Amino acid sequence: MKTTEYWRGGPESAMPKGTAWDLIQYESEELGNDIGILLTKEELKKINALNCRWLTESKKSAMEYGEALSVRIGDHRIIAKDNYGGLLIETL
């Protein structure tokens, strides 16, 4: 299986439970981040939040949040992007 390298900055943080849509709502409403969604609201509501992680494509971007850790992921898709280079990735 092919894997792709992404980066995580800082410690793992608790993400809201529920759906990918709940994660996006939290990021935009509670944290004030500008989130661009790549799926419909209805599709995002069908994705379990436990299958999602916020990662970046570059080590430099991840270092903005603390120590950068490499994360390799197999089958996945990017379902949203924030205004800081963050990618909300669903593991398939």
Protein backbone atom coordinates (compact mmCIF):
# COMPACT_ATOMS: atom_id res chain seq x y z
CA MET A 1 0.00 0.00 0.00
CA LYS A 2 1.27 3.44 -0.94
CA THR A 3 1.53 5.94 1.90
CA THR A 4 1.80 9.72 1.87
CA GLU A 5 3.82 11.75 4.35
CA TYR A 6 2.14 14.62 6.14
CA TRP A 7 3.14 16.56 9.24
CA ARG A 8 1.55 17.13 12.64
CA GLY A 9 2.63 20.09 14.75
CA GLY A 10 2.58 19.91 18.52
CA PRO A 11 0.86 17.34 20.71
CA GLU A 12 -2.24 15.44 19.68
CA SER A 13 -5.23 17.48 20.76
CA ALA A 14 -8.73 16.39 21.57
CA MET A 15 -10.99 16.87 18.59
CA PRO A 16 -14.74 17.26 18.96
CA LYS A 17 -16.64 14.01 18.71
CA GLY A 18 -19.30 13.50 16.09
CA THR A 19 -18.84 14.07 12.39
CA ALA A 20 -16.39 15.82 10.10
CA TRP A 21 -19.00 18.57 9.82
CA ASP A 22 -18.84 19.02 13.62
CA LEU A 23 -15.04 19.41 13.38
CA ILE A 24 -15.38 22.06 10.69
CA GLN A 25 -18.07 23.92 12.65
CA TYR A 26 -15.82 23.92 15.74
CA GLU A 27 -12.81 25.17 13.77
CA SER A 28 -14.77 27.97 12.13
CA GLU A 29 -17.16 29.05 14.89
CA GLU A 30 -15.13 28.43 18.05
CA LEU A 31 -11.59 29.05 16.75
CA GLY A 32 -12.38 31.55 14.00
CA ASN A 33 -10.53 29.68 11.27
CA ASP A 34 -11.51 30.09 7.62
CA ILE A 35 -12.27 26.56 6.42
CA GLY A 36 -12.69 25.58 2.80
CA ILE A 37 -14.69 22.40 2.45
CA LEU A 38 -14.12 20.01 -0.44
CA LEU A 39 -17.28 17.95 0.07
CA THR A 40 -20.90 18.87 0.64
CA LYS A 41 -22.26 19.46 4.12
CA GLU A 42 -24.33 16.29 3.75
CA GLU A 43 -21.25 14.22 2.83
CA LEU A 44 -19.28 15.64 5.76
CA LYS A 45 -22.08 14.73 8.17
CA LYS A 46 -21.61 11.06 7.17
CA ILE A 47 -17.89 10.97 8.09
CA ASN A 48 -16.98 9.90 11.63
CA ALA A 49 -14.72 12.50 13.28
CA LEU A 50 -12.59 9.68 14.70
CA ASN A 51 -11.38 8.99 11.14
CA CYS A 52 -10.13 12.57 10.67
CA ARG A 53 -6.91 14.42 11.52
CA TRP A 54 -5.65 17.94 10.93
CA LEU A 55 -2.22 17.71 9.26
CA THR A 56 -0.01 19.81 6.98
CA GLU A 57 1.96 19.05 3.84
CA SER A 58 5.13 20.72 5.09
CA LYS A 59 7.28 20.33 8.15
CA LYS A 60 7.71 24.11 8.27
CA SER A 61 3.94 24.67 8.55
CA ALA A 62 3.65 22.03 11.27
CA MET A 63 6.43 23.67 13.29
CA GLU A 64 4.15 26.71 13.76
CA TYR A 65 2.25 24.56 16.30
CA GLY A 66 5.22 22.94 18.08
CA GLU A 67 7.47 20.00 17.39
CA ALA A 68 6.80 18.64 13.89
CA LEU A 69 6.12 14.93 13.67
CA SER A 70 6.00 12.97 10.43
CA VAL A 71 2.74 11.08 9.87
CA ARG A 72 2.41 8.50 7.10
CA ILE A 73 -1.12 7.73 5.91
CA GLY A 74 -2.36 5.08 3.50
CA ASP A 75 -5.75 5.39 1.82
CA HIS A 76 -7.16 8.81 2.58
CA ARG A 77 -8.73 11.93 1.14
CA ILE A 78 -8.49 15.61 1.95
CA ILE A 79 -11.93 16.85 2.91
CA ALA A 80 -11.20 20.43 4.05
CA LYS A 81 -8.44 23.03 4.23
CA ASP A 82 -7.88 25.87 6.63
CA ASN A 83 -6.35 29.28 6.05
CA TYR A 84 -3.04 28.24 7.66
CA GLY A 85 -2.12 25.34 5.38
CA GLY A 86 -3.89 22.72 7.49
CA LEU A 87 -5.59 19.80 5.81
CA LEU A 88 -8.46 17.85 7.34
CA ILE A 89 -7.71 14.32 6.22
CA GLU A 90 -10.10 11.40 6.38
CA THR A 91 -8.49 7.98 6.65
CA LEU A 92 -10.40 5.56 4.44
